[in-house]
Amino acid sequence: MAKIGMLLTLGPYQYENWETACNIADAALDKGSEIQMFLYLDGVYNPIKLQTFPDMPVVPKDRFAELVKKGATIIACGVCVNARGLEKGKDYIEGVTVGGLPDFAEMVSEVDRLITL
């Protein structure tokens, strides 16, 4: 099946890009595709494990946790993480790693398609 790369640059609650990314990734994983996602800029705010939001039964961290369980690889940009005070991703859900632009470059070289949101 296809290898799909995703670049998510926006955080939760600003726009629905995180939800679109999760919906695409979820559907692709269900069809047997491989998903590699790189969180960049404010996209690094999406998998924070202590998120809560009134009136939302499912918050971004829940969707990202589901993707990790299904086999998606999710890497957050280390420079972006540290610049936003997220302390090397220690507050992330399990399965999300912190990397760098070389990881993104490797991902781009390996995937069949790249989706940017």
Protein backbone atom coordinates (compact mmCIF):
# COMPACT_ATOMS: atom_id res chain seq x y z
CA MET A 1 0.00 0.00 0.00
CA ALA A 2 0.89 3.66 -0.13
CA LYS A 3 3.18 5.54 2.20
CA ILE A 4 1.59 8.87 3.05
CA GLY A 5 3.40 11.73 4.73
CA MET A 6 1.62 14.53 6.50
CA LEU A 7 2.88 17.93 7.63
CA LEU A 8 0.63 19.60 10.22
CA THR A 9 1.53 23.21 11.04
CA LEU A 10 -1.52 24.48 12.92
CA GLY A 11 -2.51 23.87 16.51
CA PRO A 12 -5.82 22.68 17.87
CA TYR A 13 -8.81 24.93 18.42
CA GLN A 14 -7.67 27.55 15.87
CA TYR A 15 -8.76 25.74 12.74
CA GLU A 16 -9.94 22.23 11.99
CA ASN A 17 -6.74 21.19 10.22
CA TRP A 18 -5.87 18.75 13.03
CA GLU A 19 -9.22 17.03 12.58
CA THR A 20 -8.83 16.87 8.80
CA ALA A 21 -5.35 15.39 9.23
CA CYS A 22 -6.66 12.79 11.67
CA ASN A 23 -9.59 11.88 9.42
CA ILE A 24 -7.33 11.40 6.39
CA ALA A 25 -4.76 9.44 8.40
CA ASP A 26 -7.43 7.25 9.99
CA ALA A 27 -9.01 6.41 6.64
CA ALA A 28 -5.63 5.68 5.06
CA LEU A 29 -4.59 3.41 7.94
CA ASP A 30 -7.89 1.53 7.63
CA LYS A 31 -7.06 0.87 3.97
CA GLY A 32 -3.62 -0.46 4.84
CA SER A 33 -1.53 2.59 4.05
CA GLU A 34 1.41 3.71 6.15
CA ILE A 35 1.16 7.14 7.79
CA GLN A 36 4.09 9.32 8.85
CA MET A 37 3.15 12.67 10.35
CA PHE A 38 5.44 15.58 11.19
CA LEU A 39 4.16 18.27 13.55
CA TYR A 40 5.71 21.64 12.84
CA LEU A 41 5.23 25.20 14.16
CA ASP A 42 1.99 25.31 16.22
CA GLY A 43 1.18 21.77 15.09
CA VAL A 44 3.28 20.62 18.05
CA TYR A 45 0.43 21.62 20.40
CA ASN A 46 -1.87 18.84 19.14
CA PRO A 47 -0.73 15.73 21.09
CA ILE A 48 -0.42 17.28 24.58
CA LYS A 49 -1.80 14.67 26.98
CA LEU A 50 -3.36 17.07 29.52
CA GLN A 51 -5.73 18.74 27.04
CA THR A 52 -9.31 19.36 28.02
CA PHE A 53 -11.96 21.36 26.26
CA PRO A 54 -15.52 21.87 27.52
CA ASP A 55 -18.25 20.41 25.35
CA MET A 56 -15.85 18.36 23.21
CA PRO A 57 -16.18 14.64 23.87
CA VAL A 58 -13.04 13.91 21.83
CA VAL A 59 -10.09 16.30 21.88
CA PRO A 60 -7.06 16.25 19.54
CA LYS A 61 -4.88 14.17 21.89
CA ASP A 62 -7.49 11.38 21.78
CA ARG A 63 -7.47 11.26 17.98
CA PHE A 64 -3.66 11.30 17.82
CA ALA A 65 -3.52 8.49 20.39
CA GLU A 66 -5.84 6.42 18.17
CA LEU A 67 -3.56 6.99 15.18
CA VAL A 68 -0.49 5.89 17.15
CA LYS A 69 -2.33 2.73 18.24
CA LYS A 70 -3.13 1.99 14.59
CA GLY A 71 0.54 2.28 13.65
CA ALA A 72 1.03 5.88 12.57
CA THR A 73 4.43 7.44 13.15
CA ILE A 74 4.15 10.93 14.64
CA ILE A 75 7.19 13.14 15.12
CA ALA A 76 7.16 16.68 16.52
CA CYS A 77 9.81 19.24 15.56
CA GLY A 78 12.17 19.60 18.51
CA VAL A 79 13.00 23.24 17.85
CA CYS A 80 9.29 24.09 17.68
CA VAL A 81 8.59 22.07 20.84
CA ASN A 82 11.31 23.77 22.86
CA ALA A 83 10.51 27.26 21.51
CA ARG A 84 6.96 26.83 22.83
CA GLY A 85 8.06 25.71 26.29
CA LEU A 86 6.93 22.11 25.85
CA GLU A 87 10.14 20.77 27.42
CA LYS A 88 11.24 18.19 24.88
CA GLY A 89 7.74 16.77 24.54
CA LYS A 90 7.50 15.33 28.04
CA ASP A 91 3.80 16.25 28.12
CA TYR A 92 2.96 14.33 24.94
CA ILE A 93 0.79 11.27 24.68
CA GLU A 94 2.66 8.01 24.49
CA GLY A 95 4.03 7.19 21.06
CA VAL A 96 4.73 10.73 19.83
CA THR A 97 8.44 11.41 19.50
CA VAL A 98 10.44 14.60 19.22
CA GLY A 99 12.81 14.88 16.28
CA GLY A 100 14.05 17.44 13.84
CA LEU A 101 13.98 18.63 10.27
CA PRO A 102 16.32 15.81 9.20
CA ASP A 103 13.50 13.43 10.23
CA PHE A 104 11.07 15.41 8.09
CA ALA A 105 13.50 15.35 5.15
CA GLU A 106 13.85 11.57 5.48
CA MET A 107 10.07 11.22 5.64
CA VAL A 108 9.64 13.29 2.46
CA SER A 109 12.19 11.12 0.66
CA GLU A 110 10.35 7.91 1.62
CA VAL A 111 6.65 8.72 1.11
CA ASP A 112 4.61 8.36 -2.04
CA ARG A 113 2.54 11.48 -1.31
CA LEU A 114 2.87 14.43 1.06
CA ILE A 115 -0.17 16.24 2.46
CA THR A 116 0.34 19.60 4.13
CA LEU A 117 -2.23 21.14 6.45
